[in-house]
Structures are given as structure tokens and as C-alpha cells.
Amino acid sequence: MSQRRLHENHRLIDIKRFFDQPPLQYLGLELAVCWILDCLLEADSYPTALMNRLADLHPRLRLSETVLQQAISFLDQEGAIGSYTQRCPSRGRPRRMLHLSEGYRQEAQELMPAWQQWLEEAHAAANSATTSSLTINALPLPAAVLSR
């Protein structure tokens, strides 16, 4: 964000709001692969459910359809996942279900401690941003800012 844009379009309350409600963080390919593996270690799933589950369990994290498809394609090319169709009574067409290949279960489990640590750090950072903004707001503003 340029200084000019910040100056013309934002006020101090907008900056506070940024810290009170941090923007969503979108997962990159590596993190998306870990998320998919984490879910598939528990049970088979379909792509839309993976995106929705991330938003439900981790409200500050998101996964774009593009990155999700890239991660699925990567895992498929590696032979780590397979897919099958499953009919759903409430839908007209069958779902493409993803399944973790048994030969990759151990490898997926070995990635989980690093993935879980990243999740914990991401949550801690989001929580500290809110806490920090509350602490910063308790400090008196410089006179030059108040006189504007």
C-alpha cells in the first residue's frame, strides 16, 4: 500500500480496525497440501468440503479453488491420493471423493507435526495482533496526531 493511498483513504480508526479484524490469510501450495493430507488422514473428502472445513475450523484461513486444485493435482501426480465418485441423494451428480493412498499414510503423518506447529503459530500471531492493538490503543497519542 502506498503512503499516498494510505493518507488519502484511511483514518486512524481504519488502521485500528485492521488490527482488530486482521485480513484473511490464504494458504499457498505447500500449506494447502498439508491441509488436504491432514483432512484425508481422518476420512475421505471432496474438494468443496475441504475448503469449507478450513473456514469453519480456522476462521482466519482460506484456500482458493485454484490453489486447492493445484494441491490436489500435485498429490495425484505423486500418487499420494486417489479419487472415486460417490452418489449423494441431495445432489444430481456424484461427488469426486479424494482418498489418501495407504502407501503415503506414513509420509503424511510425518508432515503433521510441522503443519500443526504452523497452525499454532498462525493462530498465535492472529491473537497477538488483536492483543497488540488493544495495548497500542491504551498508549496516549502524540500531540501532533491529536491536533489534526
N, C-alpha and C. Protein backbone atom coordinates (compact mmCIF):
# COMPACT_ATOMS: atom_id res chain seq x y z
N MET A 1 0.84 -1.16 0.00
CA MET A 1 0.00 0.00 0.00
C MET A 1 0.89 1.23 0.00
N SER A 2 0.65 2.13 -0.91
CA SER A 2 1.49 3.32 -0.99
C SER A 2 1.13 4.29 0.12
N GLN A 3 2.09 5.15 0.46
CA GLN A 3 1.84 6.14 1.51
C GLN A 3 0.73 7.11 1.08
N ARG A 4 0.71 7.46 -0.19
CA ARG A 4 -0.30 8.39 -0.68
C ARG A 4 -1.70 7.79 -0.50
N ARG A 5 -1.86 6.55 -0.91
CA ARG A 5 -3.16 5.89 -0.79
C ARG A 5 -3.57 5.77 0.67
N LEU A 6 -2.64 5.44 1.52
CA LEU A 6 -2.93 5.33 2.94
C LEU A 6 -3.38 6.68 3.49
N HIS A 7 -2.70 7.72 3.12
CA HIS A 7 -3.00 9.06 3.63
C HIS A 7 -4.36 9.55 3.15
N GLU A 8 -4.69 9.33 1.90
CA GLU A 8 -5.93 9.86 1.35
C GLU A 8 -7.16 9.06 1.75
N ASN A 9 -7.03 7.76 1.89
CA ASN A 9 -8.20 6.91 2.06
C ASN A 9 -8.38 6.34 3.45
N HIS A 10 -7.43 6.50 4.34
CA HIS A 10 -7.53 5.88 5.65
C HIS A 10 -7.47 6.91 6.77
N ARG A 11 -8.12 6.54 7.85
CA ARG A 11 -8.02 7.33 9.07
C ARG A 11 -7.46 6.40 10.14
N LEU A 12 -7.13 6.93 11.28
CA LEU A 12 -6.56 6.11 12.35
C LEU A 12 -7.51 4.99 12.76
N ILE A 13 -8.79 5.25 12.74
CA ILE A 13 -9.76 4.21 13.12
C ILE A 13 -9.69 3.03 12.14
N ASP A 14 -9.37 3.33 10.86
CA ASP A 14 -9.23 2.25 9.87
C ASP A 14 -8.01 1.39 10.17
N ILE A 15 -6.95 2.01 10.63
CA ILE A 15 -5.74 1.26 10.98
C ILE A 15 -6.03 0.38 12.18
N LYS A 16 -6.74 0.91 13.18
CA LYS A 16 -7.12 0.12 14.35
C LYS A 16 -7.98 -1.06 13.92
N ARG A 17 -8.93 -0.84 13.04
CA ARG A 17 -9.82 -1.89 12.57
C ARG A 17 -9.02 -3.01 11.89
N PHE A 18 -7.95 -2.66 11.18
CA PHE A 18 -7.11 -3.66 10.53
C PHE A 18 -6.55 -4.64 11.56
N PHE A 19 -6.11 -4.13 12.71
CA PHE A 19 -5.53 -4.98 13.75
C PHE A 19 -6.61 -5.71 14.55
N ASP A 20 -7.76 -5.07 14.73
CA ASP A 20 -8.86 -5.72 15.44
C ASP A 20 -9.46 -6.87 14.63
N GLN A 21 -9.48 -6.70 13.32
CA GLN A 21 -10.03 -7.71 12.42
C GLN A 21 -9.02 -7.97 11.30
N PRO A 22 -7.95 -8.73 11.59
CA PRO A 22 -6.92 -8.95 10.58
C PRO A 22 -7.51 -9.58 9.32
N PRO A 23 -6.91 -9.29 8.18
CA PRO A 23 -7.42 -9.86 6.94
C PRO A 23 -7.23 -11.38 6.92
N LEU A 24 -8.01 -12.02 6.08
CA LEU A 24 -7.88 -13.47 5.92
C LEU A 24 -6.53 -13.80 5.33
N GLN A 25 -6.01 -14.97 5.68
CA GLN A 25 -4.75 -15.43 5.13
C GLN A 25 -5.03 -16.63 4.24
N TYR A 26 -4.62 -16.52 2.98
CA TYR A 26 -4.82 -17.61 2.03
C TYR A 26 -3.62 -18.54 2.04
N LEU A 27 -3.90 -19.84 2.06
CA LEU A 27 -2.84 -20.83 2.07
C LEU A 27 -2.18 -20.92 0.70
N GLY A 28 -0.85 -21.09 0.71
CA GLY A 28 -0.10 -21.36 -0.51
C GLY A 28 -0.13 -22.86 -0.78
N LEU A 29 0.56 -23.26 -1.82
CA LEU A 29 0.53 -24.66 -2.26
C LEU A 29 1.00 -25.63 -1.17
N GLU A 30 2.13 -25.34 -0.53
CA GLU A 30 2.68 -26.25 0.48
C GLU A 30 1.71 -26.44 1.65
N LEU A 31 1.14 -25.33 2.10
CA LEU A 31 0.20 -25.40 3.23
C LEU A 31 -1.10 -26.08 2.81
N ALA A 32 -1.53 -25.84 1.59
CA ALA A 32 -2.73 -26.50 1.08
C ALA A 32 -2.54 -28.01 1.03
N VAL A 33 -1.37 -28.45 0.59
CA VAL A 33 -1.07 -29.89 0.57
C VAL A 33 -1.17 -30.46 1.98
N CYS A 34 -0.61 -29.76 2.95
CA CYS A 34 -0.67 -30.23 4.34
C CYS A 34 -2.11 -30.28 4.84
N TRP A 35 -2.90 -29.27 4.51
CA TRP A 35 -4.30 -29.25 4.94
C TRP A 35 -5.06 -30.44 4.35
N ILE A 36 -4.87 -30.69 3.08
CA ILE A 36 -5.55 -31.81 2.42
C ILE A 36 -5.14 -33.13 3.08
N LEU A 37 -3.85 -33.30 3.28
CA LEU A 37 -3.37 -34.54 3.91
C LEU A 37 -3.93 -34.69 5.33
N ASP A 38 -3.96 -33.61 6.07
CA ASP A 38 -4.50 -33.62 7.43
C ASP A 38 -5.95 -34.12 7.41
N CYS A 39 -6.74 -33.59 6.50
CA CYS A 39 -8.15 -34.00 6.40
C CYS A 39 -8.28 -35.44 5.94
N LEU A 40 -7.49 -35.82 4.93
CA LEU A 40 -7.61 -37.17 4.39
C LEU A 40 -7.05 -38.24 5.32
N LEU A 41 -6.21 -37.86 6.26
CA LEU A 41 -5.78 -38.82 7.27
C LEU A 41 -6.96 -39.24 8.15
N GLU A 42 -7.93 -38.34 8.30
CA GLU A 42 -9.11 -38.63 9.11
C GLU A 42 -10.17 -39.38 8.33
N ALA A 43 -10.46 -38.91 7.10
CA ALA A 43 -11.54 -39.51 6.30
C ALA A 43 -11.46 -39.00 4.87
N ASP A 44 -12.05 -39.76 3.96
CA ASP A 44 -12.15 -39.31 2.58
C ASP A 44 -13.00 -38.04 2.54
N SER A 45 -12.75 -37.19 1.55
CA SER A 45 -13.48 -35.94 1.46
C SER A 45 -13.55 -35.49 0.01
N TYR A 46 -14.30 -34.44 -0.24
CA TYR A 46 -14.37 -33.86 -1.58
C TYR A 46 -13.88 -32.42 -1.51
N PRO A 47 -13.42 -31.86 -2.64
CA PRO A 47 -12.75 -30.56 -2.62
C PRO A 47 -13.51 -29.43 -1.93
N THR A 48 -14.77 -29.26 -2.22
CA THR A 48 -15.52 -28.16 -1.60
C THR A 48 -15.59 -28.32 -0.09
N ALA A 49 -15.72 -29.54 0.37
CA ALA A 49 -15.76 -29.79 1.82
C ALA A 49 -14.43 -29.40 2.47
N LEU A 50 -13.33 -29.62 1.76
CA LEU A 50 -12.02 -29.25 2.30
C LEU A 50 -11.94 -27.74 2.52
N MET A 51 -12.43 -26.98 1.54
CA MET A 51 -12.41 -25.52 1.66
C MET A 51 -13.32 -25.06 2.80
N ASN A 52 -14.50 -25.63 2.86
CA ASN A 52 -15.46 -25.23 3.90
C ASN A 52 -14.98 -25.60 5.30
N ARG A 53 -14.37 -26.75 5.41
CA ARG A 53 -13.87 -27.20 6.72
C ARG A 53 -12.75 -26.29 7.22
N LEU A 54 -11.88 -25.86 6.31
CA LEU A 54 -10.82 -24.94 6.71
C LEU A 54 -11.42 -23.65 7.27
N ALA A 55 -12.39 -23.10 6.57
CA ALA A 55 -13.03 -21.86 7.02
C ALA A 55 -13.75 -22.05 8.36
N ASP A 56 -14.34 -23.22 8.56
CA ASP A 56 -15.05 -23.49 9.82
C ASP A 56 -14.08 -23.67 11.00
N LEU A 57 -13.03 -24.46 10.79
CA LEU A 57 -12.11 -24.77 11.89
C LEU A 57 -11.08 -23.67 12.14
N HIS A 58 -10.74 -22.94 11.09
CA HIS A 58 -9.71 -21.89 11.19
C HIS A 58 -10.25 -20.64 10.50
N PRO A 59 -11.05 -19.85 11.20
CA PRO A 59 -11.76 -18.72 10.59
C PRO A 59 -10.89 -17.68 9.88
N ARG A 60 -9.63 -17.56 10.22
CA ARG A 60 -8.76 -16.57 9.58
C ARG A 60 -8.03 -17.13 8.36
N LEU A 61 -8.20 -18.42 8.09
CA LEU A 61 -7.50 -19.06 6.97
C LEU A 61 -8.49 -19.39 5.86
N ARG A 62 -8.01 -19.28 4.63
CA ARG A 62 -8.82 -19.63 3.46
C ARG A 62 -7.96 -20.36 2.45
N LEU A 63 -8.64 -21.01 1.54
CA LEU A 63 -8.00 -21.78 0.48
C LEU A 63 -8.73 -21.47 -0.81
N SER A 64 -8.03 -20.91 -1.78
CA SER A 64 -8.68 -20.59 -3.05
C SER A 64 -8.88 -21.87 -3.85
N GLU A 65 -9.86 -21.85 -4.73
CA GLU A 65 -10.12 -23.02 -5.57
C GLU A 65 -8.92 -23.34 -6.44
N THR A 66 -8.24 -22.32 -6.93
CA THR A 66 -7.08 -22.52 -7.79
C THR A 66 -5.98 -23.27 -7.06
N VAL A 67 -5.61 -22.80 -5.87
CA VAL A 67 -4.55 -23.45 -5.09
C VAL A 67 -5.00 -24.84 -4.66
N LEU A 68 -6.27 -24.99 -4.31
CA LEU A 68 -6.78 -26.30 -3.94
C LEU A 68 -6.60 -27.29 -5.10
N GLN A 69 -6.97 -26.87 -6.30
CA GLN A 69 -6.84 -27.76 -7.46
C GLN A 69 -5.37 -28.07 -7.77
N GLN A 70 -4.50 -27.08 -7.60
CA GLN A 70 -3.07 -27.31 -7.80
C GLN A 70 -2.54 -28.32 -6.79
N ALA A 71 -2.96 -28.20 -5.55
CA ALA A 71 -2.51 -29.12 -4.50
C ALA A 71 -3.04 -30.53 -4.76
N ILE A 72 -4.30 -30.63 -5.18
CA ILE A 72 -4.87 -31.94 -5.50
C ILE A 72 -4.13 -32.55 -6.67
N SER A 73 -3.85 -31.76 -7.68
CA SER A 73 -3.12 -32.25 -8.85
C SER A 73 -1.72 -32.73 -8.45
N PHE A 74 -1.04 -31.96 -7.61
CA PHE A 74 0.29 -32.35 -7.13
C PHE A 74 0.23 -33.69 -6.40
N LEU A 75 -0.71 -33.81 -5.47
CA LEU A 75 -0.83 -35.06 -4.71
C LEU A 75 -1.21 -36.23 -5.60
N ASP A 76 -2.04 -35.97 -6.59
CA ASP A 76 -2.44 -37.02 -7.53
C ASP A 76 -1.24 -37.48 -8.36
N GLN A 77 -0.45 -36.54 -8.86
CA GLN A 77 0.75 -36.88 -9.65
C GLN A 77 1.77 -37.63 -8.81
N GLU A 78 1.84 -37.32 -7.53
CA GLU A 78 2.75 -38.03 -6.61
C GLU A 78 2.25 -39.43 -6.30
N GLY A 79 0.99 -39.69 -6.58
CA GLY A 79 0.39 -40.98 -6.24
C GLY A 79 -0.07 -41.04 -4.79
N ALA A 80 -0.09 -39.88 -4.13
CA ALA A 80 -0.46 -39.84 -2.71
C ALA A 80 -1.97 -39.93 -2.50
N ILE A 81 -2.73 -39.52 -3.50
CA ILE A 81 -4.18 -39.60 -3.37
C ILE A 81 -4.79 -40.26 -4.60
N GLY A 82 -5.95 -40.78 -4.40
CA GLY A 82 -6.75 -41.31 -5.48
C GLY A 82 -8.13 -40.69 -5.37
N SER A 83 -8.97 -40.96 -6.32
CA SER A 83 -10.33 -40.42 -6.25
C SER A 83 -11.33 -41.45 -6.75
N TYR A 84 -12.54 -41.26 -6.33
CA TYR A 84 -13.65 -42.10 -6.77
C TYR A 84 -14.92 -41.25 -6.71
N THR A 85 -15.96 -41.70 -7.38
CA THR A 85 -17.21 -40.95 -7.35
C THR A 85 -18.16 -41.56 -6.33
N GLN A 86 -18.92 -40.68 -5.71
CA GLN A 86 -19.89 -41.12 -4.71
C GLN A 86 -21.20 -40.39 -4.96
N ARG A 87 -22.25 -41.14 -5.09
CA ARG A 87 -23.57 -40.54 -5.27
C ARG A 87 -24.05 -39.94 -3.96
N CYS A 88 -24.66 -38.79 -4.06
CA CYS A 88 -25.21 -38.10 -2.90
C CYS A 88 -26.70 -37.89 -3.19
N PRO A 89 -27.59 -38.34 -2.30
CA PRO A 89 -29.02 -38.24 -2.57
C PRO A 89 -29.51 -36.80 -2.79
N SER A 90 -28.86 -35.83 -2.17
CA SER A 90 -29.32 -34.44 -2.28
C SER A 90 -28.75 -33.72 -3.50
N ARG A 91 -27.90 -34.40 -4.26
CA ARG A 91 -27.29 -33.77 -5.44
C ARG A 91 -27.62 -34.59 -6.68
N GLY A 92 -27.66 -33.90 -7.81
CA GLY A 92 -27.93 -34.59 -9.06
C GLY A 92 -26.74 -35.37 -9.58
N ARG A 93 -25.57 -34.81 -9.43
CA ARG A 93 -24.38 -35.51 -9.95
C ARG A 93 -23.54 -36.04 -8.79
N PRO A 94 -22.78 -37.09 -9.06
CA PRO A 94 -21.94 -37.66 -7.99
C PRO A 94 -20.77 -36.74 -7.64
N ARG A 95 -20.31 -36.87 -6.41
CA ARG A 95 -19.15 -36.11 -5.94
C ARG A 95 -17.87 -36.85 -6.26
N ARG A 96 -16.81 -36.06 -6.51
CA ARG A 96 -15.47 -36.64 -6.67
C ARG A 96 -14.83 -36.68 -5.29
N MET A 97 -14.77 -37.86 -4.72
CA MET A 97 -14.20 -38.04 -3.39
C MET A 97 -12.70 -38.29 -3.51
N LEU A 98 -11.95 -37.72 -2.57
CA LEU A 98 -10.50 -37.90 -2.53
C LEU A 98 -10.16 -38.88 -1.42
N HIS A 99 -9.18 -39.72 -1.68
CA HIS A 99 -8.78 -40.76 -0.74
C HIS A 99 -7.26 -40.79 -0.64
N LEU A 100 -6.73 -40.84 0.58
CA LEU A 100 -5.29 -40.93 0.80
C LEU A 100 -4.83 -42.35 0.54
N SER A 101 -3.84 -42.50 -0.33
CA SER A 101 -3.29 -43.82 -0.63
C SER A 101 -2.58 -44.38 0.60
N GLU A 102 -2.80 -45.65 0.87
CA GLU A 102 -2.21 -46.28 2.06
C GLU A 102 -0.68 -46.15 2.07
N GLY A 103 -0.06 -46.22 0.90
CA GLY A 103 1.39 -46.13 0.82
C GLY A 103 1.95 -44.77 1.23
N TYR A 104 1.10 -43.77 1.30
CA TYR A 104 1.53 -42.42 1.66
C TYR A 104 1.05 -41.99 3.04
N ARG A 105 0.33 -42.85 3.73
CA ARG A 105 -0.20 -42.50 5.04
C ARG A 105 0.91 -42.13 6.02
N GLN A 106 1.98 -42.92 6.06
CA GLN A 106 3.10 -42.66 6.98
C GLN A 106 3.77 -41.32 6.64
N GLU A 107 4.01 -41.08 5.36
CA GLU A 107 4.63 -39.81 4.95
C GLU A 107 3.75 -38.62 5.34
N ALA A 108 2.45 -38.77 5.15
CA ALA A 108 1.52 -37.70 5.51
C ALA A 108 1.56 -37.45 7.01
N GLN A 109 1.59 -38.51 7.80
CA GLN A 109 1.65 -38.37 9.26
C GLN A 109 2.94 -37.68 9.70
N GLU A 110 4.03 -37.92 8.97
CA GLU A 110 5.31 -37.28 9.32
C GLU A 110 5.28 -35.78 9.06
N LEU A 111 4.44 -35.31 8.16
CA LEU A 111 4.31 -33.88 7.89
C LEU A 111 3.45 -33.16 8.94
N MET A 112 2.63 -33.91 9.65
CA MET A 112 1.65 -33.29 10.55
C MET A 112 2.24 -32.47 11.69
N PRO A 113 3.34 -32.88 12.34
CA PRO A 113 3.87 -32.02 13.40
C PRO A 113 4.27 -30.62 12.89
N ALA A 114 4.91 -30.56 11.74
CA ALA A 114 5.28 -29.25 11.17
C ALA A 114 4.04 -28.45 10.80
N TRP A 115 3.04 -29.12 10.23
CA TRP A 115 1.79 -28.45 9.87
C TRP A 115 1.07 -27.93 11.12
N GLN A 116 0.99 -28.76 12.16
CA GLN A 116 0.32 -28.35 13.39
C GLN A 116 1.06 -27.18 14.06
N GLN A 117 2.38 -27.21 13.99
CA GLN A 117 3.16 -26.09 14.55
C GLN A 117 2.88 -24.81 13.78
N TRP A 118 2.80 -24.91 12.46
CA TRP A 118 2.50 -23.72 11.65
C TRP A 118 1.12 -23.18 12.01
N LEU A 119 0.13 -24.08 12.17
CA LEU A 119 -1.22 -23.65 12.54
C LEU A 119 -1.21 -22.93 13.89
N GLU A 120 -0.51 -23.50 14.85
CA GLU A 120 -0.44 -22.87 16.18
C GLU A 120 0.19 -21.49 16.10
N GLU A 121 1.27 -21.36 15.32
CA GLU A 121 1.93 -20.05 15.17
C GLU A 121 1.03 -19.06 14.45
N ALA A 122 0.28 -19.52 13.46
CA ALA A 122 -0.64 -18.64 12.74
C ALA A 122 -1.74 -18.14 13.67
N HIS A 123 -2.27 -19.03 14.51
CA HIS A 123 -3.30 -18.63 15.46
C HIS A 123 -2.73 -17.68 16.51
N ALA A 124 -1.52 -17.97 16.98
CA ALA A 124 -0.89 -17.10 17.98
C ALA A 124 -0.64 -15.71 17.40
N ALA A 125 -0.21 -15.65 16.15
CA ALA A 125 0.05 -14.36 15.51
C ALA A 125 -1.25 -13.57 15.36
N ALA A 126 -2.32 -14.25 14.98
CA ALA A 126 -3.61 -13.57 14.84
C ALA A 126 -4.10 -13.06 16.19
N ASN A 127 -3.93 -13.87 17.22
CA ASN A 127 -4.36 -13.46 18.55
C ASN A 127 -3.49 -12.34 19.10
N SER A 128 -2.19 -12.38 18.84
CA SER A 128 -1.32 -11.32 19.35
C SER A 128 -1.54 -10.02 18.61
N ALA A 129 -1.96 -10.08 17.35
CA ALA A 129 -2.26 -8.85 16.61
C ALA A 129 -3.42 -8.13 17.28
N THR A 130 -4.44 -8.87 17.69
CA THR A 130 -5.58 -8.27 18.37
C THR A 130 -5.16 -7.75 19.73
N THR A 131 -4.39 -8.53 20.48
CA THR A 131 -3.91 -8.11 21.79
C THR A 131 -3.00 -6.90 21.66
N SER A 132 -2.12 -6.90 20.67
CA SER A 132 -1.22 -5.77 20.47
C SER A 132 -1.99 -4.51 20.16
N SER A 133 -3.04 -4.62 19.36
CA SER A 133 -3.79 -3.42 19.01
C SER A 133 -4.47 -2.85 20.24
N LEU A 134 -4.91 -3.74 21.15
CA LEU A 134 -5.53 -3.25 22.36
C LEU A 134 -4.50 -2.54 23.23
N THR A 135 -3.29 -3.07 23.28
CA THR A 135 -2.23 -2.46 24.06
C THR A 135 -1.83 -1.12 23.45
N ILE A 136 -1.69 -1.10 22.14
CA ILE A 136 -1.30 0.15 21.47
C ILE A 136 -2.36 1.21 21.69
N ASN A 137 -3.63 0.83 21.65
CA ASN A 137 -4.70 1.80 21.83
C ASN A 137 -4.70 2.40 23.23
N ALA A 138 -4.09 1.72 24.19
CA ALA A 138 -4.03 2.24 25.55
C ALA A 138 -2.96 3.31 25.70
N LEU A 139 -2.04 3.42 24.73
CA LEU A 139 -0.99 4.43 24.80
C LEU A 139 -1.54 5.78 24.36
N PRO A 140 -1.08 6.86 24.97
CA PRO A 140 -1.55 8.19 24.54
C PRO A 140 -1.01 8.51 23.14
N LEU A 141 -1.82 9.19 22.35
CA LEU A 141 -1.40 9.60 21.02
C LEU A 141 -0.55 10.85 21.12
N PRO A 142 0.45 10.98 20.23
CA PRO A 142 1.27 12.19 20.23
C PRO A 142 0.41 13.42 19.96
N ALA A 143 0.81 14.55 20.50
CA ALA A 143 0.06 15.79 20.35
C ALA A 143 -0.14 16.17 18.89
N ALA A 144 0.88 15.89 18.05
CA ALA A 144 0.78 16.24 16.63
C ALA A 144 -0.37 15.49 15.95
N VAL A 145 -0.62 14.26 16.37
CA VAL A 145 -1.71 13.49 15.79
C VAL A 145 -3.06 14.02 16.30
N LEU A 146 -3.12 14.37 17.57
CA LEU A 146 -4.36 14.85 18.16
C LEU A 146 -4.78 16.21 17.61
N SER A 147 -3.83 17.02 17.19
CA SER A 147 -4.16 18.36 16.71
C SER A 147 -4.67 18.38 15.28
N ARG A 148 -4.66 17.26 14.58
CA ARG A 148 -5.13 17.21 13.18
C ARG A 148 -6.62 17.28 13.09
